[in-house]
C-alpha atoms as a PDB file:
ATOM      1  CA  MET A   1     190.062 158.582 153.601  1.00  0.00           C
ATOM      2  CA  PRO A   2     192.391 156.271 155.579  1.00  0.00           C
ATOM      3  CA  ARG A   3     195.366 157.860 157.278  1.00  0.00           C
ATOM      4  CA  THR A   4     198.795 156.332 156.951  1.00  0.00           C
ATOM      5  CA  PRO A   5     200.101 155.381 160.395  1.00  0.00           C
ATOM      6  CA  SER A   6     203.610 156.372 161.359  1.00  0.00           C
ATOM      7  CA  LYS A   7     206.698 154.169 160.865  1.00  0.00           C
ATOM      8  CA  GLY A   8     205.806 153.333 157.272  1.00  0.00           C
ATOM      9  CA  LEU A   9     202.891 150.988 157.958  1.00  0.00           C
ATOM     10  CA  THR A  10     200.086 151.384 155.499  1.00  0.00           C
ATOM     11  CA  PHE A  11     196.499 151.041 156.590  1.00  0.00           C
ATOM     12  CA  GLU A  12     196.209 147.821 154.600  1.00  0.00           C
ATOM     13  CA  LYS A  13     199.334 146.317 156.202  1.00  0.00           C
ATOM     14  CA  LEU A  14     198.146 147.283 159.674  1.00  0.00           C
ATOM     15  CA  ARG A  15     194.750 145.714 158.986  1.00  0.00           C
ATOM     16  CA  GLU A  16     196.424 142.545 157.705  1.00  0.00           C
ATOM     17  CA  LEU A  17     198.523 142.273 160.881  1.00  0.00           C
ATOM     18  CA  ALA A  18     195.469 142.856 163.079  1.00  0.00           C
ATOM     19  CA  ARG A  19     193.558 140.158 161.196  1.00  0.00           C
ATOM     20  CA  ALA A  20     196.446 137.693 161.622  1.00  0.00           C
ATOM     21  CA  GLY A  21     196.517 138.429 165.356  1.00  0.00           C
ATOM     22  CA  ALA A  22     192.762 137.966 165.631  1.00  0.00           C
ATOM     23  CA  GLU A  23     192.930 134.651 163.744  1.00  0.00           C
ATOM     24  CA  ASP A  24     195.682 133.437 166.089  1.00  0.00           C
ATOM     25  CA  ALA A  25     193.674 134.445 169.162  1.00  0.00           C
ATOM     26  CA  LEU A  26     190.586 132.690 167.777  1.00  0.00           C
ATOM     27  CA  LYS A  27     192.592 129.529 167.092  1.00  0.00           C
ATOM     28  CA  ARG A  28     193.917 129.513 170.691  1.00  0.00           C
ATOM     29  CA  LEU A  29     190.415 130.075 172.099  1.00  0.00           C
ATOM     30  CA  ARG A  30     188.973 127.223 170.037  1.00  0.00           C
ATOM     31  CA  ALA A  31     191.772 124.923 171.284  1.00  0.00           C
ATOM     32  CA  GLU A  32     191.018 125.960 174.862  1.00  0.00           C
ATOM     33  CA  ILE A  33     187.284 125.311 174.368  1.00  0.00           C
ATOM     34  CA  GLY A  34     188.134 121.850 173.022  1.00  0.00           C
ATOM     35  CA  ALA A  35     190.300 121.108 176.058  1.00  0.00           C
ATOM     36  CA  ILE A  36     187.552 122.261 178.449  1.00  0.00           C
ATOM     37  CA  GLU A  37     184.927 120.173 176.651  1.00  0.00           C
ATOM     38  CA  ARG A  38     187.189 117.096 176.799  1.00  0.00           C
ATOM     39  CA  THR A  39     187.698 117.645 180.532  1.00  0.00           C
ATOM     40  CA  PHE A  40     184.009 118.350 181.183  1.00  0.00           C
ATOM     41  CA  PRO A  41     182.098 116.491 178.456  1.00  0.00           C
ATOM     42  CA  GLU A  42     178.749 117.412 179.967  1.00  0.00           C
ATOM     43  CA  LEU A  43     179.399 121.013 178.908  1.00  0.00           C
ATOM     44  CA  ALA A  44     179.801 120.033 175.269  1.00  0.00           C
ATOM     45  CA  THR A  45     176.262 118.799 174.677  1.00  0.00           C
ATOM     46  CA  GLY A  46     173.694 121.414 173.889  1.00  0.00           C
ATOM     47  CA  GLU A  47     170.805 119.595 175.565  1.00  0.00           C
ATOM     48  CA  GLN A  48     172.469 119.472 178.973  1.00  0.00           C
ATOM     49  CA  ARG A  49     173.558 123.084 178.633  1.00  0.00           C
ATOM     50  CA  ARG A  50     169.996 124.148 177.838  1.00  0.00           C
ATOM     51  CA  ALA A  51     168.707 122.153 180.809  1.00  0.00           C
ATOM     52  CA  ALA A  52     171.224 123.850 183.106  1.00  0.00           C
ATOM     53  CA  VAL A  53     170.255 127.312 181.835  1.00  0.00           C
ATOM     54  CA  LYS A  54     166.567 126.477 182.265  1.00  0.00           C
ATOM     55  CA  GLU A  55     167.221 125.314 185.836  1.00  0.00           C
ATOM     56  CA  VAL A  56     169.071 128.517 186.708  1.00  0.00           C
ATOM     57  CA  LYS A  57     166.293 130.653 185.247  1.00  0.00           C
ATOM     58  CA  ALA A  58     163.662 128.682 187.166  1.00  0.00           C
ATOM     59  CA  SER A  59     165.553 129.106 190.409  1.00  0.00           C
ATOM     60  CA  THR A  60     165.647 132.884 190.216  1.00  0.00           C
ATOM     61  CA  ARG A  61     163.136 134.320 192.605  1.00  0.00           C
ATOM     62  CA  ARG A  62     160.503 136.794 191.637  1.00  0.00           C
ATOM     63  CA  MET A  63     158.663 138.969 194.099  1.00  0.00           C
ATOM     64  CA  SER A  64     154.991 138.272 194.521  1.00  0.00           C
ATOM     65  CA  ALA A  65     152.451 141.082 194.384  1.00  0.00           C
ATOM     66  CA  ALA A  66     152.013 140.901 198.174  1.00  0.00           C
ATOM     67  CA  ALA A  67     155.765 141.147 198.711  1.00  0.00           C
ATOM     68  CA  ARG A  68     155.990 144.163 196.370  1.00  0.00           C
ATOM     69  CA  LYS A  69     153.156 145.852 198.262  1.00  0.00           C
ATOM     70  CA  THR A  70     154.891 145.234 201.608  1.00  0.00           C
ATOM     71  CA  VAL A  71     158.174 146.635 200.315  1.00  0.00           C
ATOM     72  CA  SER A  72     156.346 149.629 198.842  1.00  0.00           C
ATOM     73  CA  GLN A  73     154.659 150.441 202.152  1.00  0.00           C
ATOM     74  CA  ARG A  74     157.918 150.034 204.058  1.00  0.00           C
ATOM     75  CA  MET A  75     159.789 152.335 201.665  1.00  0.00           C
ATOM     76  CA  LYS A  76     157.019 154.972 201.727  1.00  0.00           C
ATOM     77  CA  LYS A  77     157.251 155.003 205.513  1.00  0.00           C
ATOM     78  CA  TYR A  78     161.052 155.181 205.362  1.00  0.00           C
ATOM     79  CA  TRP A  79     161.081 158.148 202.973  1.00  0.00           C
ATOM     80  CA  ALA A  80     158.323 159.948 204.874  1.00  0.00           C
ATOM     81  CA  GLU A  81     160.419 159.697 208.053  1.00  0.00           C
ATOM     82  CA  ARG A  82     163.501 160.970 206.202  1.00  0.00           C
ATOM     83  CA  ARG A  83     161.585 163.966 204.804  1.00  0.00           C
ATOM     84  CA  LYS A  84     160.181 164.668 208.278  1.00  0.00           C
ATOM     85  CA  ALA A  85     163.647 164.519 209.870  1.00  0.00           C
ATOM     86  CA  LYS A  86     165.104 166.795 207.204  1.00  0.00           C
ATOM     87  CA  ALA A  87     162.398 169.457 207.643  1.00  0.00           C
END
């Protein structure tokens, strides 16, 4: 059951105004995307974008099992010392 907002606006009218505002914002965003793609054409092609994403993903570092083990031992020692100091 939709409530009628104050100042005489019906729910339908309010929704219509919100939709018009959203359409205007979308139109401005699409124009901005077009301007960016004209300035930087390499961003417009999907293949180059996918290659860039793949490169970023490949460059992220993952910890090896040996590194995880070293960190684990170091943190166990750290927390043991903290518990000892607290007691």
